[in-house]
């Protein structure tokens, strides 16, 4: 009887040790991946003149310069008409060819905070002409805020956001 209890105790100890070793290995891998991701983000930001040795004030100033230039390159129609809620509307969302940043466009209904449209990542020089709403809206006019989220290239390092207003109009 003592042998069976001793064997069970040994098995339990081995299981606990294996879980502990797995946890430590997972933590080490996660830390390594986090460090590698930080290095990649740092390299990505250097192409915009943002270097790791810069002061925070200088980094912020350079990011603001890059964002200001990118902001001048984005466009969306101020009024987006939809024949019906389930039909497409011509939004003409674009990220100009002169932009150095990729952008995502999210349209949010002002009255409710509901997201009515969200784009994929739009690289410089690309546009989305027609969009479909992801929210069910009745006939009417809906004031909305467009949130533009800027990312550095294809690695999607978030650099900043800006916003503007549009009117979403459902005709029938």
Foldseek 3Di string as FASTA:
>chain_A
DVVVVVVVVVVVVVVVVVVVVVVVVVVVVVVVVVVVVVVVVQVLCVVQVQHPPDDPVVNLVSLVVLVVVQVVQWAWDQEWEDQALFGKTFTWTARAQPRQWWKKKWKAFPVPRHTQDIGDTHDHPDTDGIDHTPDHDHADKTKIKIKIWIAHPPVRDTSDIDIDIHIYGHHD
